[in-house]
């Protein structure tokens, strides 16, 4: 059999800036499950900060008269969404990845879509890691943490307007208490938003597992979760937020939870730098710069379940 020969050198010199860089930044950020699955509202062209408004009305109907008489209440709530500037500086060795890429190009892969070039193969590896970190930041991030922005847990915990479950079960949510604990969350949801199409309960992965197990034990698993059928609790959609800390639950509308970034800002930058021409090594440096952050609109329409100790 004739042996296939591969080139012994791989030279990479690639710089992506502006809108083209945004394609890679978008892949890195939007691959986070919460964004990819539509759990949040994405605001994708924020230069520095954006004042995000949400309108709430009540008491608009009145008895008919011949005159114009203003009625009802209109509440305009605004919050500042300020994505944080973040960066990725990572160094990879071409030797560690070249064999995998060459095998993929020969068809020894289960993936349908393959990066056409070696540098894009390395970028895909880094993008997957950035997406995972972004998913965690969305919920668990702190304003002071290096490489983090303030996530929903930190923001909601500090906000007295957010509705907090006052008596969470000690030790977290299990298959034994999950129905009771989710009931505590639903009981706090204002009636004005409970039945809106985009209201949802975001649950940590362990809460989703506990709920499935509880439904199976009751013999109701097929009715509440079977394959592609979405999970529901008392008519409310349950969605798994992979970045949520164990036993946390957030109840809110998709339209009330925001993720912001500057996808098409000039500051977006992706560089793949081959160090072989600089120091003779087989290292490749990948540099990414972007912004990301989260915020919500009306705190009194968000319910936070913090697990008891």
C-alpha atoms as a PDB file:
ATOM      1  CA  UNK A   1       0.000   0.000   0.000  1.00  0.00           C
ATOM      2  CA  UNK A   2       1.291   3.406  -0.880  1.00  0.00           C
ATOM      3  CA  UNK A   3       1.871   5.482   2.218  1.00  0.00           C
ATOM      4  CA  UNK A   4       0.528   8.989   2.326  1.00  0.00           C
ATOM      5  CA  UNK A   5       3.101  11.621   3.200  1.00  0.00           C
ATOM      6  CA  UNK A   6       2.336  14.708   5.189  1.00  0.00           C
ATOM      7  CA  UNK A   7       4.141  18.007   5.207  1.00  0.00           C
ATOM      8  CA  UNK A   8       6.583  18.318   8.078  1.00  0.00           C
ATOM      9  CA  UNK A   9       5.944  22.018   8.595  1.00  0.00           C
ATOM     10  CA  UNK A  10       2.803  24.011   9.224  1.00  0.00           C
ATOM     11  CA  UNK A  11       3.096  27.771   8.916  1.00  0.00           C
ATOM     12  CA  UNK A  12       0.297  29.970  10.237  1.00  0.00           C
ATOM     13  CA  UNK A  13      -0.037  33.720   9.944  1.00  0.00           C
ATOM     14  CA  UNK A  14      -3.625  34.851  10.410  1.00  0.00           C
ATOM     15  CA  UNK A  15      -5.234  37.997  11.804  1.00  0.00           C
ATOM     16  CA  UNK A  16      -8.980  38.601  11.986  1.00  0.00           C
ATOM     17  CA  UNK A  17     -10.315  42.023  12.922  1.00  0.00           C
ATOM     18  CA  UNK A  18     -13.564  43.941  12.716  1.00  0.00           C
ATOM     19  CA  UNK A  19     -16.631  42.201  11.347  1.00  0.00           C
ATOM     20  CA  UNK A  20     -14.789  39.064  10.253  1.00  0.00           C
ATOM     21  CA  UNK A  21     -13.420  38.646  13.750  1.00  0.00           C
ATOM     22  CA  UNK A  22     -16.999  38.980  14.964  1.00  0.00           C
ATOM     23  CA  UNK A  23     -17.836  35.688  13.297  1.00  0.00           C
ATOM     24  CA  UNK A  24     -15.330  33.888  15.485  1.00  0.00           C
ATOM     25  CA  UNK A  25     -16.290  35.898  18.570  1.00  0.00           C
ATOM     26  CA  UNK A  26     -19.936  35.052  17.928  1.00  0.00           C
ATOM     27  CA  UNK A  27     -19.084  31.370  17.703  1.00  0.00           C
ATOM     28  CA  UNK A  28     -17.172  31.542  20.971  1.00  0.00           C
ATOM     29  CA  UNK A  29     -19.880  33.414  22.882  1.00  0.00           C
ATOM     30  CA  UNK A  30     -23.098  32.198  21.309  1.00  0.00           C
ATOM     31  CA  UNK A  31     -22.107  28.538  21.554  1.00  0.00           C
ATOM     32  CA  UNK A  32     -22.870  28.812  25.262  1.00  0.00           C
ATOM     33  CA  UNK A  33     -25.960  26.585  25.696  1.00  0.00           C
ATOM     34  CA  UNK A  34     -28.072  29.293  27.341  1.00  0.00           C
ATOM     35  CA  UNK A  35     -27.602  31.533  24.307  1.00  0.00           C
ATOM     36  CA  UNK A  36     -27.737  28.804  21.712  1.00  0.00           C
ATOM     37  CA  UNK A  37     -30.992  27.476  23.198  1.00  0.00           C
ATOM     38  CA  UNK A  38     -32.683  30.886  23.395  1.00  0.00           C
ATOM     39  CA  UNK A  39     -32.914  31.151  27.197  1.00  0.00           C
ATOM     40  CA  UNK A  40     -31.840  34.805  27.120  1.00  0.00           C
ATOM     41  CA  UNK A  41     -32.440  37.856  24.951  1.00  0.00           C
ATOM     42  CA  UNK A  42     -29.258  38.711  23.046  1.00  0.00           C
ATOM     43  CA  UNK A  43     -28.266  42.328  22.473  1.00  0.00           C
ATOM     44  CA  UNK A  44     -25.351  42.034  20.128  1.00  0.00           C
ATOM     45  CA  UNK A  45     -24.075  45.470  19.131  1.00  0.00           C
ATOM     46  CA  UNK A  46     -23.335  47.358  22.331  1.00  0.00           C
ATOM     47  CA  UNK A  47     -20.390  49.737  21.957  1.00  0.00           C
ATOM     48  CA  UNK A  48     -19.827  50.639  25.607  1.00  0.00           C
ATOM     49  CA  UNK A  49     -23.093  50.576  27.556  1.00  0.00           C
ATOM     50  CA  UNK A  50     -26.750  50.415  26.660  1.00  0.00           C
ATOM     51  CA  UNK A  51     -29.761  51.642  28.585  1.00  0.00           C
ATOM     52  CA  UNK A  52     -32.254  48.820  28.238  1.00  0.00           C
ATOM     53  CA  UNK A  53     -35.893  49.677  28.889  1.00  0.00           C
ATOM     54  CA  UNK A  54     -38.896  47.519  29.698  1.00  0.00           C
ATOM     55  CA  UNK A  55     -42.462  48.809  29.682  1.00  0.00           C
ATOM     56  CA  UNK A  56     -45.094  47.647  32.189  1.00  0.00           C
ATOM     57  CA  UNK A  57     -48.709  48.819  32.246  1.00  0.00           C
ATOM     58  CA  UNK A  58     -51.720  48.345  34.515  1.00  0.00           C
ATOM     59  CA  UNK A  59     -55.237  49.722  34.951  1.00  0.00           C
ATOM     60  CA  UNK A  60     -55.611  50.838  31.333  1.00  0.00           C
ATOM     61  CA  UNK A  61     -59.331  50.067  30.996  1.00  0.00           C
ATOM     62  CA  UNK A  62     -61.928  52.576  32.195  1.00  0.00           C
ATOM     63  CA  UNK A  63     -65.625  53.314  31.688  1.00  0.00           C
ATOM     64  CA  UNK A  64     -66.327  55.046  28.389  1.00  0.00           C
ATOM     65  CA  UNK A  65     -66.918  58.835  28.339  1.00  0.00           C
ATOM     66  CA  UNK A  66     -66.996  61.564  25.701  1.00  0.00           C
ATOM     67  CA  UNK A  67     -63.756  63.049  26.981  1.00  0.00           C
ATOM     68  CA  UNK A  68     -60.120  61.980  26.866  1.00  0.00           C
ATOM     69  CA  UNK A  69     -59.104  61.100  30.386  1.00  0.00           C
ATOM     70  CA  UNK A  70     -55.708  59.489  30.927  1.00  0.00           C
ATOM     71  CA  UNK A  71     -56.037  56.238  32.850  1.00  0.00           C
ATOM     72  CA  UNK A  72     -53.849  53.486  34.147  1.00  0.00           C
ATOM     73  CA  UNK A  73     -50.221  53.305  35.095  1.00  0.00           C
ATOM     74  CA  UNK A  74     -47.257  53.112  32.783  1.00  0.00           C
ATOM     75  CA  UNK A  75     -43.991  52.070  34.377  1.00  0.00           C
ATOM     76  CA  UNK A  76     -40.816  52.408  32.346  1.00  0.00           C
ATOM     77  CA  UNK A  77     -37.949  50.512  33.917  1.00  0.00           C
ATOM     78  CA  UNK A  78     -34.403  50.939  32.723  1.00  0.00           C
ATOM     79  CA  UNK A  79     -31.130  49.261  33.559  1.00  0.00           C
ATOM     80  CA  UNK A  80     -27.612  49.718  32.311  1.00  0.00           C
ATOM     81  CA  UNK A  81     -26.094  46.799  30.434  1.00  0.00           C
ATOM     82  CA  UNK A  82     -22.320  47.257  30.317  1.00  0.00           C
ATOM     83  CA  UNK A  83     -20.435  44.344  28.773  1.00  0.00           C
ATOM     84  CA  UNK A  84     -16.991  43.793  30.262  1.00  0.00           C
ATOM     85  CA  UNK A  85     -13.862  43.764  28.112  1.00  0.00           C
ATOM     86  CA  UNK A  86     -12.346  40.275  28.129  1.00  0.00           C
ATOM     87  CA  UNK A  87      -9.490  38.536  26.390  1.00  0.00           C
ATOM     88  CA  UNK A  88      -8.062  35.110  25.700  1.00  0.00           C
ATOM     89  CA  UNK A  89      -4.292  34.526  25.523  1.00  0.00           C
ATOM     90  CA  UNK A  90      -3.532  30.865  24.971  1.00  0.00           C
ATOM     91  CA  UNK A  91      -0.552  28.970  23.599  1.00  0.00           C
ATOM     92  CA  UNK A  92      -0.898  25.572  21.901  1.00  0.00           C
ATOM     93  CA  UNK A  93       1.696  23.233  20.451  1.00  0.00           C
ATOM     94  CA  UNK A  94       1.098  22.326  16.806  1.00  0.00           C
ATOM     95  CA  UNK A  95       2.573  18.884  17.458  1.00  0.00           C
ATOM     96  CA  UNK A  96      -0.215  18.038  19.908  1.00  0.00           C
ATOM     97  CA  UNK A  97      -2.993  18.810  17.392  1.00  0.00           C
ATOM     98  CA  UNK A  98      -1.605  18.171  13.917  1.00  0.00           C
ATOM     99  CA  UNK A  99      -2.209  14.407  13.986  1.00  0.00           C
ATOM    100  CA  UNK A 100      -5.842  14.884  15.019  1.00  0.00           C
ATOM    101  CA  UNK A 101      -6.452  17.423  12.251  1.00  0.00           C
ATOM    102  CA  UNK A 102      -4.791  15.284   9.575  1.00  0.00           C
ATOM    103  CA  UNK A 103      -6.819  12.248  10.673  1.00  0.00           C
ATOM    104  CA  UNK A 104     -10.007  14.319  10.457  1.00  0.00           C
ATOM    105  CA  UNK A 105      -9.122  15.501   6.949  1.00  0.00           C
ATOM    106  CA  UNK A 106      -8.670  11.871   5.854  1.00  0.00           C
ATOM    107  CA  UNK A 107     -12.205  11.098   6.993  1.00  0.00           C
ATOM    108  CA  UNK A 108     -11.403   9.456  10.321  1.00  0.00           C
ATOM    109  CA  UNK A 109     -13.944  11.575  12.194  1.00  0.00           C
ATOM    110  CA  UNK A 110     -17.560  11.449  13.296  1.00  0.00           C
ATOM    111  CA  UNK A 111     -18.005  15.160  12.570  1.00  0.00           C
ATOM    112  CA  UNK A 112     -19.817  16.257   9.414  1.00  0.00           C
ATOM    113  CA  UNK A 113     -18.304  19.729   9.268  1.00  0.00           C
ATOM    114  CA  UNK A 114     -14.534  19.954   9.515  1.00  0.00           C
ATOM    115  CA  UNK A 115     -12.412  23.094   9.824  1.00  0.00           C
ATOM    116  CA  UNK A 116     -10.805  23.482   6.377  1.00  0.00           C
ATOM    117  CA  UNK A 117      -7.488  24.796   7.700  1.00  0.00           C
ATOM    118  CA  UNK A 118      -5.232  23.925  10.598  1.00  0.00           C
ATOM    119  CA  UNK A 119      -5.592  27.377  12.176  1.00  0.00           C
ATOM    120  CA  UNK A 120      -9.381  27.063  12.157  1.00  0.00           C
ATOM    121  CA  UNK A 121      -9.021  23.632  13.739  1.00  0.00           C
ATOM    122  CA  UNK A 122      -7.079  25.243  16.600  1.00  0.00           C
ATOM    123  CA  UNK A 123      -9.595  28.094  16.805  1.00  0.00           C
ATOM    124  CA  UNK A 124     -12.457  25.617  17.134  1.00  0.00           C
ATOM    125  CA  UNK A 125     -10.664  24.043  20.094  1.00  0.00           C
ATOM    126  CA  UNK A 126     -10.313  27.423  21.840  1.00  0.00           C
ATOM    127  CA  UNK A 127     -13.848  28.544  20.933  1.00  0.00           C
ATOM    128  CA  UNK A 128     -15.314  25.486  22.661  1.00  0.00           C
ATOM    129  CA  UNK A 129     -13.440  26.384  25.857  1.00  0.00           C
ATOM    130  CA  UNK A 130     -14.527  30.035  25.685  1.00  0.00           C
ATOM    131  CA  UNK A 131     -18.173  29.002  25.203  1.00  0.00           C
ATOM    132  CA  UNK A 132     -18.034  26.819  28.304  1.00  0.00           C
ATOM    133  CA  UNK A 133     -16.502  29.625  30.372  1.00  0.00           C
ATOM    134  CA  UNK A 134     -19.089  32.087  29.054  1.00  0.00           C
ATOM    135  CA  UNK A 135     -21.949  29.784  30.050  1.00  0.00           C
ATOM    136  CA  UNK A 136     -20.603  29.645  33.603  1.00  0.00           C
ATOM    137  CA  UNK A 137     -20.034  33.405  33.750  1.00  0.00           C
ATOM    138  CA  UNK A 138     -23.615  34.134  32.712  1.00  0.00           C
ATOM    139  CA  UNK A 139     -24.858  32.727  36.000  1.00  0.00           C
ATOM    140  CA  UNK A 140     -21.937  32.351  38.419  1.00  0.00           C
ATOM    141  CA  UNK A 141     -19.655  35.226  37.409  1.00  0.00           C
ATOM    142  CA  UNK A 142     -18.661  37.976  39.824  1.00  0.00           C
ATOM    143  CA  UNK A 143     -17.835  41.557  38.958  1.00  0.00           C
ATOM    144  CA  UNK A 144     -14.442  41.351  40.643  1.00  0.00           C
ATOM    145  CA  UNK A 145     -13.435  37.937  39.327  1.00  0.00           C
ATOM    146  CA  UNK A 146     -10.579  37.884  36.815  1.00  0.00           C
ATOM    147  CA  UNK A 147     -11.959  36.999  33.395  1.00  0.00           C
ATOM    148  CA  UNK A 148     -15.516  37.226  34.722  1.00  0.00           C
ATOM    149  CA  UNK A 149     -18.485  39.566  34.536  1.00  0.00           C
ATOM    150  CA  UNK A 150     -21.270  39.823  37.100  1.00  0.00           C
ATOM    151  CA  UNK A 151     -23.658  36.942  36.475  1.00  0.00           C
ATOM    152  CA  UNK A 152     -27.354  36.619  37.243  1.00  0.00           C
ATOM    153  CA  UNK A 153     -26.862  34.998  40.656  1.00  0.00           C
ATOM    154  CA  UNK A 154     -24.668  37.861  41.893  1.00  0.00           C
ATOM    155  CA  UNK A 155     -26.918  40.550  40.388  1.00  0.00           C
ATOM    156  CA  UNK A 156     -30.159  39.067  41.708  1.00  0.00           C
ATOM    157  CA  UNK A 157     -28.774  38.273  45.150  1.00  0.00           C
ATOM    158  CA  UNK A 158     -27.820  41.928  45.609  1.00  0.00           C
ATOM    159  CA  UNK A 159     -31.207  43.244  44.410  1.00  0.00           C
ATOM    160  CA  UNK A 160     -33.953  43.579  47.020  1.00  0.00           C
ATOM    161  CA  UNK A 161     -36.596  43.787  44.267  1.00  0.00           C
ATOM    162  CA  UNK A 162     -35.943  40.210  43.168  1.00  0.00           C
ATOM    163  CA  UNK A 163     -38.339  37.699  44.712  1.00  0.00           C
ATOM    164  CA  UNK A 164     -36.361  35.274  46.867  1.00  0.00           C
ATOM    165  CA  UNK A 165     -37.651  31.892  48.007  1.00  0.00           C
ATOM    166  CA  UNK A 166     -37.552  32.316  51.777  1.00  0.00           C
ATOM    167  CA  UNK A 167     -37.465  28.700  52.946  1.00  0.00           C
ATOM    168  CA  UNK A 168     -35.328  26.570  50.614  1.00  0.00           C
ATOM    169  CA  UNK A 169     -34.708  22.970  51.538  1.00  0.00           C
ATOM    170  CA  UNK A 170     -31.538  22.375  53.498  1.00  0.00           C
ATOM    171  CA  UNK A 171     -28.912  20.518  51.516  1.00  0.00           C
ATOM    172  CA  UNK A 172     -30.242  21.395  48.064  1.00  0.00           C
ATOM    173  CA  UNK A 173     -32.799  19.920  45.693  1.00  0.00           C
ATOM    174  CA  UNK A 174     -33.186  16.156  45.378  1.00  0.00           C
ATOM    175  CA  UNK A 175     -35.628  13.771  43.727  1.00  0.00           C
ATOM    176  CA  UNK A 176     -37.435  13.597  47.065  1.00  0.00           C
ATOM    177  CA  UNK A 177     -38.115  17.323  47.444  1.00  0.00           C
ATOM    178  CA  UNK A 178     -37.913  18.693  43.887  1.00  0.00           C
ATOM    179  CA  UNK A 179     -41.685  18.973  43.387  1.00  0.00           C
ATOM    180  CA  UNK A 180     -42.137  20.862  46.648  1.00  0.00           C
ATOM    181  CA  UNK A 181     -39.187  23.184  45.984  1.00  0.00           C
ATOM    182  CA  UNK A 182     -40.237  24.034  42.427  1.00  0.00           C
ATOM    183  CA  UNK A 183     -43.695  24.744  43.816  1.00  0.00           C
ATOM    184  CA  UNK A 184     -42.153  27.378  46.107  1.00  0.00           C
ATOM    185  CA  UNK A 185     -40.705  29.121  43.062  1.00  0.00           C
ATOM    186  CA  UNK A 186     -43.944  29.080  41.070  1.00  0.00           C
ATOM    187  CA  UNK A 187     -45.922  30.349  44.070  1.00  0.00           C
ATOM    188  CA  UNK A 188     -43.836  33.548  44.050  1.00  0.00           C
ATOM    189  CA  UNK A 189     -44.245  34.308  40.350  1.00  0.00           C
ATOM    190  CA  UNK A 190     -46.531  37.306  39.736  1.00  0.00           C
ATOM    191  CA  UNK A 191     -49.766  36.273  38.004  1.00  0.00           C
ATOM    192  CA  UNK A 192     -49.183  38.926  35.356  1.00  0.00           C
ATOM    193  CA  UNK A 193     -46.231  36.996  33.884  1.00  0.00           C
ATOM    194  CA  UNK A 194     -46.832  33.397  34.983  1.00  0.00           C
ATOM    195  CA  UNK A 195     -48.774  32.464  31.849  1.00  0.00           C
ATOM    196  CA  UNK A 196     -46.875  34.580  29.339  1.00  0.00           C
ATOM    197  CA  UNK A 197     -45.413  32.590  26.425  1.00  0.00           C
ATOM    198  CA  UNK A 198     -41.790  33.316  27.305  1.00  0.00           C
ATOM    199  CA  UNK A 199     -41.905  32.679  31.042  1.00  0.00           C
ATOM    200  CA  UNK A 200     -39.593  29.859  32.085  1.00  0.00           C
ATOM    201  CA  UNK A 201     -37.951  28.178  35.021  1.00  0.00           C
ATOM    202  CA  UNK A 202     -34.211  27.941  34.500  1.00  0.00           C
ATOM    203  CA  UNK A 203     -32.914  25.027  36.546  1.00  0.00           C
ATOM    204  CA  UNK A 204     -29.453  23.718  37.331  1.00  0.00           C
ATOM    205  CA  UNK A 205     -28.537  20.356  35.748  1.00  0.00           C
ATOM    206  CA  UNK A 206     -28.929  18.503  39.052  1.00  0.00           C
ATOM    207  CA  UNK A 207     -32.456  19.929  39.469  1.00  0.00           C
ATOM    208  CA  UNK A 208     -33.402  18.654  36.004  1.00  0.00           C
ATOM    209  CA  UNK A 209     -32.083  15.182  36.867  1.00  0.00           C
ATOM    210  CA  UNK A 210     -33.976  15.192  40.154  1.00  0.00           C
ATOM    211  CA  UNK A 211     -37.199  16.198  38.396  1.00  0.00           C
ATOM    212  CA  UNK A 212     -36.902  13.467  35.772  1.00  0.00           C
ATOM    213  CA  UNK A 213     -36.257  10.880  38.449  1.00  0.00           C
ATOM    214  CA  UNK A 214     -39.213  12.082  40.503  1.00  0.00           C
ATOM    215  CA  UNK A 215     -41.495  11.928  37.456  1.00  0.00           C
ATOM    216  CA  UNK A 216     -40.248   8.434  36.616  1.00  0.00           C
ATOM    217  CA  UNK A 217     -40.924   7.268  40.162  1.00  0.00           C
ATOM    218  CA  UNK A 218     -44.483   8.589  39.905  1.00  0.00           C
ATOM    219  CA  UNK A 219     -45.002   6.959  36.530  1.00  0.00           C
ATOM    220  CA  UNK A 220     -45.433  10.298  34.763  1.00  0.00           C
ATOM    221  CA  UNK A 221     -42.155  10.569  32.905  1.00  0.00           C
ATOM    222  CA  UNK A 222     -43.709  10.134  29.461  1.00  0.00           C
ATOM    223  CA  UNK A 223     -46.192  12.924  30.112  1.00  0.00           C
ATOM    224  CA  UNK A 224     -43.614  15.391  31.403  1.00  0.00           C
ATOM    225  CA  UNK A 225     -40.373  14.451  29.735  1.00  0.00           C
ATOM    226  CA  UNK A 226     -39.753  11.968  26.952  1.00  0.00           C
ATOM    227  CA  UNK A 227     -37.072  12.507  24.341  1.00  0.00           C
ATOM    228  CA  UNK A 228     -37.648  15.837  22.614  1.00  0.00           C
ATOM    229  CA  UNK A 229     -40.744  16.692  24.649  1.00  0.00           C
ATOM    230  CA  UNK A 230     -39.836  19.709  26.823  1.00  0.00           C
ATOM    231  CA  UNK A 231     -40.044  19.419  30.578  1.00  0.00           C
ATOM    232  CA  UNK A 232     -42.906  21.211  32.294  1.00  0.00           C
ATOM    233  CA  UNK A 233     -43.898  21.853  35.883  1.00  0.00           C
ATOM    234  CA  UNK A 234     -47.496  22.904  36.530  1.00  0.00           C
ATOM    235  CA  UNK A 235     -47.690  24.191  32.966  1.00  0.00           C
ATOM    236  CA  UNK A 236     -44.427  26.150  33.191  1.00  0.00           C
ATOM    237  CA  UNK A 237     -41.557  25.200  30.899  1.00  0.00           C
ATOM    238  CA  UNK A 238     -38.423  23.942  32.632  1.00  0.00           C
ATOM    239  CA  UNK A 239     -35.170  24.645  30.819  1.00  0.00           C
ATOM    240  CA  UNK A 240     -31.753  23.419  31.853  1.00  0.00           C
ATOM    241  CA  UNK A 241     -29.232  26.243  32.380  1.00  0.00           C
ATOM    242  CA  UNK A 242     -25.917  24.425  32.322  1.00  0.00           C
ATOM    243  CA  UNK A 243     -24.072  27.310  33.950  1.00  0.00           C
ATOM    244  CA  UNK A 244     -26.312  27.515  37.027  1.00  0.00           C
ATOM    245  CA  UNK A 245     -24.783  26.405  40.320  1.00  0.00           C
ATOM    246  CA  UNK A 246     -26.179  23.220  41.837  1.00  0.00           C
ATOM    247  CA  UNK A 247     -29.775  23.452  43.120  1.00  0.00           C
ATOM    248  CA  UNK A 248     -30.320  27.025  41.876  1.00  0.00           C
ATOM    249  CA  UNK A 249     -33.518  27.971  40.041  1.00  0.00           C
ATOM    250  CA  UNK A 250     -34.399  31.230  38.296  1.00  0.00           C
ATOM    251  CA  UNK A 251     -37.928  32.075  37.207  1.00  0.00           C
ATOM    252  CA  UNK A 252     -38.163  34.863  34.615  1.00  0.00           C
ATOM    253  CA  UNK A 253     -39.258  35.771  31.121  1.00  0.00           C
ATOM    254  CA  UNK A 254     -36.794  35.405  28.274  1.00  0.00           C
ATOM    255  CA  UNK A 255     -37.500  39.050  27.432  1.00  0.00           C
ATOM    256  CA  UNK A 256     -36.434  40.056  30.954  1.00  0.00           C
ATOM    257  CA  UNK A 257     -33.007  38.376  30.857  1.00  0.00           C
ATOM    258  CA  UNK A 258     -30.374  39.979  28.651  1.00  0.00           C
ATOM    259  CA  UNK A 259     -26.938  39.081  27.361  1.00  0.00           C
ATOM    260  CA  UNK A 260     -24.926  41.884  25.790  1.00  0.00           C
ATOM    261  CA  UNK A 261     -21.805  41.971  23.644  1.00  0.00           C
ATOM    262  CA  UNK A 262     -20.150  44.096  20.970  1.00  0.00           C
ATOM    263  CA  UNK A 263     -19.965  41.511  18.220  1.00  0.00           C
ATOM    264  CA  UNK A 264     -19.281  43.996  15.441  1.00  0.00           C
ATOM    265  CA  UNK A 265     -17.180  46.528  17.326  1.00  0.00           C
ATOM    266  CA  UNK A 266     -13.752  47.421  15.962  1.00  0.00           C
ATOM    267  CA  UNK A 267     -12.166  46.244  19.199  1.00  0.00           C
ATOM    268  CA  UNK A 268     -13.036  42.634  18.374  1.00  0.00           C
ATOM    269  CA  UNK A 269      -9.881  40.828  17.454  1.00  0.00           C
ATOM    270  CA  UNK A 270      -8.808  37.277  16.777  1.00  0.00           C
ATOM    271  CA  UNK A 271      -5.189  36.461  16.015  1.00  0.00           C
ATOM    272  CA  UNK A 272      -3.499  33.153  15.322  1.00  0.00           C
ATOM    273  CA  UNK A 273       0.254  33.687  15.645  1.00  0.00           C
ATOM    274  CA  UNK A 274       2.712  31.004  14.586  1.00  0.00           C
ATOM    275  CA  UNK A 275       5.773  31.330  16.825  1.00  0.00           C
ATOM    276  CA  UNK A 276       8.037  29.179  14.636  1.00  0.00           C
ATOM    277  CA  UNK A 277       9.331  32.226  12.799  1.00  0.00           C
ATOM    278  CA  UNK A 278       9.898  34.097  16.060  1.00  0.00           C
ATOM    279  CA  UNK A 279      11.584  31.626  18.403  1.00  0.00           C
ATOM    280  CA  UNK A 280      11.816  28.412  16.360  1.00  0.00           C
ATOM    281  CA  UNK A 281       9.213  26.635  18.491  1.00  0.00           C
ATOM    282  CA  UNK A 282       6.137  24.697  17.364  1.00  0.00           C
ATOM    283  CA  UNK A 283       3.872  26.867  19.474  1.00  0.00           C
ATOM    284  CA  UNK A 284       0.859  28.777  18.200  1.00  0.00           C
ATOM    285  CA  UNK A 285      -0.567  31.672  20.165  1.00  0.00           C
ATOM    286  CA  UNK A 286      -4.263  32.533  19.910  1.00  0.00           C
ATOM    287  CA  UNK A 287      -5.457  35.952  21.000  1.00  0.00           C
ATOM    288  CA  UNK A 288      -9.107  36.949  21.277  1.00  0.00           C
ATOM    289  CA  UNK A 289     -10.625  40.218  22.518  1.00  0.00           C
ATOM    290  CA  UNK A 290     -14.338  40.791  23.015  1.00  0.00           C
ATOM    291  CA  UNK A 291     -16.943  42.034  25.494  1.00  0.00           C
ATOM    292  CA  UNK A 292     -19.711  40.218  27.345  1.00  0.00           C
ATOM    293  CA  UNK A 293     -22.152  40.872  30.169  1.00  0.00           C
ATOM    294  CA  UNK A 294     -25.662  40.185  31.472  1.00  0.00           C
ATOM    295  CA  UNK A 295     -28.480  42.183  33.029  1.00  0.00           C
ATOM    296  CA  UNK A 296     -32.218  41.875  33.656  1.00  0.00           C
ATOM    297  CA  UNK A 297     -35.042  44.380  33.404  1.00  0.00           C
ATOM    298  CA  UNK A 298     -37.623  44.211  36.197  1.00  0.00           C
ATOM    299  CA  UNK A 299     -36.318  42.657  39.400  1.00  0.00           C
ATOM    300  CA  UNK A 300     -39.782  42.201  40.859  1.00  0.00           C
ATOM    301  CA  UNK A 301     -40.565  39.843  37.959  1.00  0.00           C
ATOM    302  CA  UNK A 302     -37.632  37.551  38.686  1.00  0.00           C
ATOM    303  CA  UNK A 303     -37.695  34.717  41.225  1.00  0.00           C
ATOM    304  CA  UNK A 304     -34.430  33.365  42.637  1.00  0.00           C
ATOM    305  CA  UNK A 305     -34.169  30.050  44.439  1.00  0.00           C
ATOM    306  CA  UNK A 306     -30.957  29.867  46.444  1.00  0.00           C
ATOM    307  CA  UNK A 307     -30.335  26.406  47.953  1.00  0.00           C
ATOM    308  CA  UNK A 308     -30.394  26.138  51.722  1.00  0.00           C
ATOM    309  CA  UNK A 309     -27.377  25.029  53.739  1.00  0.00           C
END
